[in-house]
Structure formats: structure tokens, C-alpha cells
Amino acid sequence: MDRPVMAGKEPVFAHGAPVGYVTSADYGFTIGTAIAYAWLPPAPAVASQRLEIEYFGERLAAVVAEEPLYDPRLKRLRVRAG
């Protein structure tokens, strides 16, 4: 895994100000990164909006994504031998 996976209730920040919190999270194996769902008001809940999630005192970069989150070409599921 390339990033920590949140447990829930971590604060979410936009432009340095708290705007919401993580409601649930897990690792997205088909996209190869952590996914955090968060409660946000409408203004920062815009696709491609850059946010931060505080995780044990450290602020981690996050980006609002549109759903569905998946690997449309299945590149991460295919393994080539050799």
C-alpha cells in the first residue's frame, strides 16, 4: 500500500480550514490506492478539489474523485509473466 488507510472520523481540511470528516475508508485494490469517503459541504465537494486529511497529526494530500472508482482498462489486475 502506498498510503495509510483511515479508520474514520479524521478531520478533512480545505485551504487550511476544517470542512468535514472521514466517514469510512479502505484500500482500493483495483485502483492501487487508499480511498476515504468523507462528509463535506457542497463547496469543497467538487471533483478534482485538493484537500487534506489529518492522520495522527500529519496532513495527507487528498483529491475529491468522481465515482465509480475503478480501473477501466484492468491494468492493475493483469500480470504479465516474463
N, C-alpha and C. Protein backbone atom coordinates (compact mmCIF):
# COMPACT_ATOMS: atom_id res chain seq x y z
N MET A 1 0.84 -1.18 0.00
CA MET A 1 0.00 0.00 0.00
C MET A 1 0.87 1.23 0.00
N ASP A 2 0.45 2.22 -0.74
CA ASP A 2 1.26 3.42 -0.85
C ASP A 2 0.86 4.51 0.14
N ARG A 3 -0.27 4.37 0.82
CA ARG A 3 -0.74 5.40 1.75
C ARG A 3 -1.43 4.73 2.93
N PRO A 4 -1.45 5.42 4.07
CA PRO A 4 -2.20 4.87 5.20
C PRO A 4 -3.69 4.83 4.88
N VAL A 5 -4.39 3.89 5.48
CA VAL A 5 -5.83 3.79 5.31
C VAL A 5 -6.49 4.34 6.57
N MET A 6 -7.36 5.32 6.40
CA MET A 6 -8.03 5.96 7.52
C MET A 6 -8.98 4.98 8.21
N ALA A 7 -9.30 5.27 9.45
CA ALA A 7 -10.23 4.44 10.21
C ALA A 7 -11.61 5.07 10.29
N GLY A 8 -11.68 6.39 10.09
CA GLY A 8 -12.95 7.11 10.21
C GLY A 8 -12.84 8.20 11.26
N LYS A 9 -13.55 9.28 11.05
CA LYS A 9 -13.61 10.45 11.94
C LYS A 9 -12.40 11.37 11.83
N GLU A 10 -11.46 11.12 10.91
CA GLU A 10 -10.33 12.03 10.73
C GLU A 10 -10.84 13.33 10.11
N PRO A 11 -10.32 14.48 10.56
CA PRO A 11 -10.77 15.76 10.00
C PRO A 11 -10.25 15.98 8.58
N VAL A 12 -11.07 16.64 7.77
CA VAL A 12 -10.73 16.98 6.39
C VAL A 12 -10.62 18.50 6.31
N PHE A 13 -9.58 18.99 5.63
CA PHE A 13 -9.30 20.42 5.53
C PHE A 13 -9.30 20.87 4.07
N ALA A 14 -9.82 22.08 3.85
CA ALA A 14 -9.74 22.74 2.55
C ALA A 14 -9.13 24.11 2.78
N HIS A 15 -8.03 24.41 2.11
CA HIS A 15 -7.34 25.69 2.26
C HIS A 15 -6.98 25.96 3.72
N GLY A 16 -6.61 24.90 4.44
CA GLY A 16 -6.17 25.04 5.83
C GLY A 16 -7.28 25.08 6.87
N ALA A 17 -8.53 25.12 6.45
CA ALA A 17 -9.65 25.19 7.39
C ALA A 17 -10.39 23.86 7.44
N PRO A 18 -10.83 23.42 8.63
CA PRO A 18 -11.59 22.17 8.72
C PRO A 18 -12.95 22.31 8.02
N VAL A 19 -13.29 21.33 7.18
CA VAL A 19 -14.55 21.39 6.44
C VAL A 19 -15.40 20.13 6.56
N GLY A 20 -14.85 19.06 7.10
CA GLY A 20 -15.60 17.82 7.19
C GLY A 20 -14.81 16.75 7.90
N TYR A 21 -15.26 15.51 7.74
CA TYR A 21 -14.57 14.40 8.39
C TYR A 21 -14.77 13.12 7.58
N VAL A 22 -13.82 12.21 7.73
CA VAL A 22 -13.88 10.91 7.05
C VAL A 22 -14.98 10.07 7.71
N THR A 23 -15.83 9.47 6.87
CA THR A 23 -16.88 8.60 7.39
C THR A 23 -16.50 7.13 7.30
N SER A 24 -15.73 6.76 6.29
CA SER A 24 -15.25 5.39 6.15
C SER A 24 -14.09 5.39 5.16
N ALA A 25 -13.29 4.34 5.21
CA ALA A 25 -12.13 4.26 4.33
C ALA A 25 -11.69 2.81 4.17
N ASP A 26 -10.96 2.57 3.09
CA ASP A 26 -10.39 1.25 2.84
C ASP A 26 -9.37 1.39 1.73
N TYR A 27 -8.71 0.32 1.40
CA TYR A 27 -7.75 0.32 0.31
C TYR A 27 -8.47 -0.13 -0.95
N GLY A 28 -8.34 0.62 -2.05
CA GLY A 28 -8.95 0.27 -3.33
C GLY A 28 -7.98 -0.56 -4.14
N PHE A 29 -8.09 -1.85 -4.05
CA PHE A 29 -7.13 -2.73 -4.72
C PHE A 29 -7.15 -2.59 -6.24
N THR A 30 -8.31 -2.33 -6.84
CA THR A 30 -8.34 -2.22 -8.30
C THR A 30 -7.79 -0.89 -8.80
N ILE A 31 -7.68 0.12 -7.92
CA ILE A 31 -7.08 1.38 -8.35
C ILE A 31 -5.71 1.61 -7.70
N GLY A 32 -5.34 0.76 -6.76
CA GLY A 32 -4.00 0.80 -6.19
C GLY A 32 -3.72 1.94 -5.23
N THR A 33 -4.74 2.42 -4.52
CA THR A 33 -4.51 3.50 -3.55
C THR A 33 -5.62 3.48 -2.50
N ALA A 34 -5.40 4.21 -1.43
CA ALA A 34 -6.40 4.31 -0.37
C ALA A 34 -7.58 5.16 -0.84
N ILE A 35 -8.77 4.81 -0.34
CA ILE A 35 -10.00 5.56 -0.63
C ILE A 35 -10.60 5.98 0.71
N ALA A 36 -10.94 7.24 0.83
CA ALA A 36 -11.61 7.73 2.04
C ALA A 36 -12.89 8.42 1.62
N TYR A 37 -14.00 8.01 2.19
CA TYR A 37 -15.27 8.71 1.99
C TYR A 37 -15.42 9.70 3.12
N ALA A 38 -15.86 10.90 2.80
CA ALA A 38 -15.95 11.94 3.81
C ALA A 38 -17.25 12.72 3.68
N TRP A 39 -17.72 13.22 4.82
CA TRP A 39 -18.83 14.16 4.80
C TRP A 39 -18.23 15.52 4.53
N LEU A 40 -18.72 16.20 3.48
CA LEU A 40 -18.25 17.53 3.11
C LEU A 40 -19.45 18.39 2.73
N PRO A 41 -19.38 19.70 2.98
CA PRO A 41 -20.41 20.58 2.45
C PRO A 41 -20.22 20.70 0.93
N PRO A 42 -21.21 21.24 0.21
CA PRO A 42 -21.13 21.29 -1.26
C PRO A 42 -19.91 22.01 -1.85
N ALA A 43 -19.47 23.11 -1.25
CA ALA A 43 -18.39 23.90 -1.86
C ALA A 43 -17.10 23.10 -2.08
N PRO A 44 -16.56 22.39 -1.08
CA PRO A 44 -15.32 21.65 -1.35
C PRO A 44 -15.55 20.27 -1.98
N ALA A 45 -16.80 19.84 -2.11
CA ALA A 45 -17.09 18.51 -2.64
C ALA A 45 -17.20 18.52 -4.16
N VAL A 46 -16.20 19.10 -4.81
CA VAL A 46 -16.18 19.24 -6.26
C VAL A 46 -15.04 18.38 -6.80
N ALA A 47 -15.30 17.62 -7.86
CA ALA A 47 -14.28 16.75 -8.44
C ALA A 47 -12.98 17.52 -8.70
N SER A 48 -11.87 16.90 -8.38
CA SER A 48 -10.51 17.41 -8.53
C SER A 48 -10.10 18.43 -7.46
N GLN A 49 -11.02 18.77 -6.55
CA GLN A 49 -10.68 19.69 -5.44
C GLN A 49 -9.62 19.04 -4.56
N ARG A 50 -8.56 19.76 -4.28
CA ARG A 50 -7.49 19.26 -3.42
C ARG A 50 -7.83 19.55 -1.97
N LEU A 51 -7.70 18.53 -1.15
CA LEU A 51 -7.99 18.62 0.28
C LEU A 51 -6.84 18.01 1.06
N GLU A 52 -6.95 18.05 2.38
CA GLU A 52 -6.01 17.36 3.25
C GLU A 52 -6.80 16.61 4.31
N ILE A 53 -6.29 15.44 4.68
CA ILE A 53 -6.88 14.66 5.75
C ILE A 53 -5.83 14.54 6.84
N GLU A 54 -6.22 14.88 8.07
CA GLU A 54 -5.27 14.78 9.18
C GLU A 54 -5.28 13.35 9.72
N TYR A 55 -4.11 12.76 9.75
CA TYR A 55 -3.96 11.37 10.16
C TYR A 55 -2.84 11.29 11.17
N PHE A 56 -3.18 11.09 12.45
CA PHE A 56 -2.21 11.04 13.54
C PHE A 56 -1.28 12.26 13.53
N GLY A 57 -1.87 13.45 13.39
CA GLY A 57 -1.11 14.69 13.46
C GLY A 57 -0.44 15.12 12.17
N GLU A 58 -0.51 14.29 11.13
CA GLU A 58 0.10 14.62 9.84
C GLU A 58 -1.00 14.90 8.83
N ARG A 59 -0.83 15.91 8.01
CA ARG A 59 -1.83 16.22 6.97
C ARG A 59 -1.42 15.54 5.66
N LEU A 60 -2.31 14.70 5.16
CA LEU A 60 -2.06 13.96 3.94
C LEU A 60 -2.88 14.56 2.80
N ALA A 61 -2.28 14.67 1.64
CA ALA A 61 -2.97 15.21 0.47
C ALA A 61 -4.08 14.26 0.03
N ALA A 62 -5.20 14.84 -0.38
CA ALA A 62 -6.33 14.07 -0.91
C ALA A 62 -6.96 14.87 -2.05
N VAL A 63 -7.66 14.18 -2.92
CA VAL A 63 -8.33 14.81 -4.05
C VAL A 63 -9.75 14.25 -4.13
N VAL A 64 -10.73 15.12 -4.30
CA VAL A 64 -12.11 14.67 -4.47
C VAL A 64 -12.21 13.97 -5.83
N ALA A 65 -12.75 12.77 -5.82
CA ALA A 65 -12.87 11.97 -7.05
C ALA A 65 -14.33 11.71 -7.36
N GLU A 66 -14.61 11.55 -8.65
CA GLU A 66 -15.95 11.15 -9.07
C GLU A 66 -16.03 9.63 -9.02
N GLU A 67 -17.21 9.13 -8.74
CA GLU A 67 -17.41 7.69 -8.75
C GLU A 67 -17.92 7.25 -10.11
N PRO A 68 -17.78 6.02 -10.49
CA PRO A 68 -17.19 4.95 -9.71
C PRO A 68 -15.66 4.97 -9.77
N LEU A 69 -15.04 4.52 -8.72
CA LEU A 69 -13.58 4.41 -8.67
C LEU A 69 -13.21 3.00 -9.10
N TYR A 70 -12.61 2.88 -10.25
CA TYR A 70 -12.22 1.58 -10.75
C TYR A 70 -11.12 1.74 -11.78
N ASP A 71 -10.55 0.66 -12.19
CA ASP A 71 -9.51 0.63 -13.20
C ASP A 71 -10.15 0.18 -14.51
N PRO A 72 -10.62 1.11 -15.37
CA PRO A 72 -11.41 0.74 -16.54
C PRO A 72 -10.71 -0.17 -17.53
N ARG A 73 -9.40 -0.14 -17.60
CA ARG A 73 -8.67 -1.00 -18.54
C ARG A 73 -8.11 -2.25 -17.87
N LEU A 74 -8.40 -2.42 -16.58
CA LEU A 74 -7.97 -3.58 -15.81
C LEU A 74 -6.45 -3.76 -15.82
N LYS A 75 -5.72 -2.68 -15.93
CA LYS A 75 -4.26 -2.76 -15.97
C LYS A 75 -3.69 -3.30 -14.66
N ARG A 76 -4.30 -2.97 -13.55
CA ARG A 76 -3.77 -3.40 -12.27
C ARG A 76 -4.08 -4.87 -11.98
N LEU A 77 -5.06 -5.45 -12.68
CA LEU A 77 -5.43 -6.84 -12.45
C LEU A 77 -4.66 -7.81 -13.33
N ARG A 78 -4.09 -7.31 -14.40
CA ARG A 78 -3.37 -8.19 -15.32
C ARG A 78 -1.89 -8.21 -14.98
N VAL A 79 -1.38 -9.39 -14.90
CA VAL A 79 0.05 -9.57 -14.61
C VAL A 79 0.68 -10.28 -15.79
N ARG A 80 1.77 -9.73 -16.28
CA ARG A 80 2.47 -10.35 -17.40
C ARG A 80 3.67 -11.13 -16.89
N ALA A 81 3.77 -12.35 -17.33
CA ALA A 81 4.90 -13.18 -16.95
C ALA A 81 6.08 -12.88 -17.85
N GLY A 82 7.26 -13.01 -17.27
CA GLY A 82 8.44 -12.88 -18.11
C GLY A 82 9.09 -11.62 -18.00
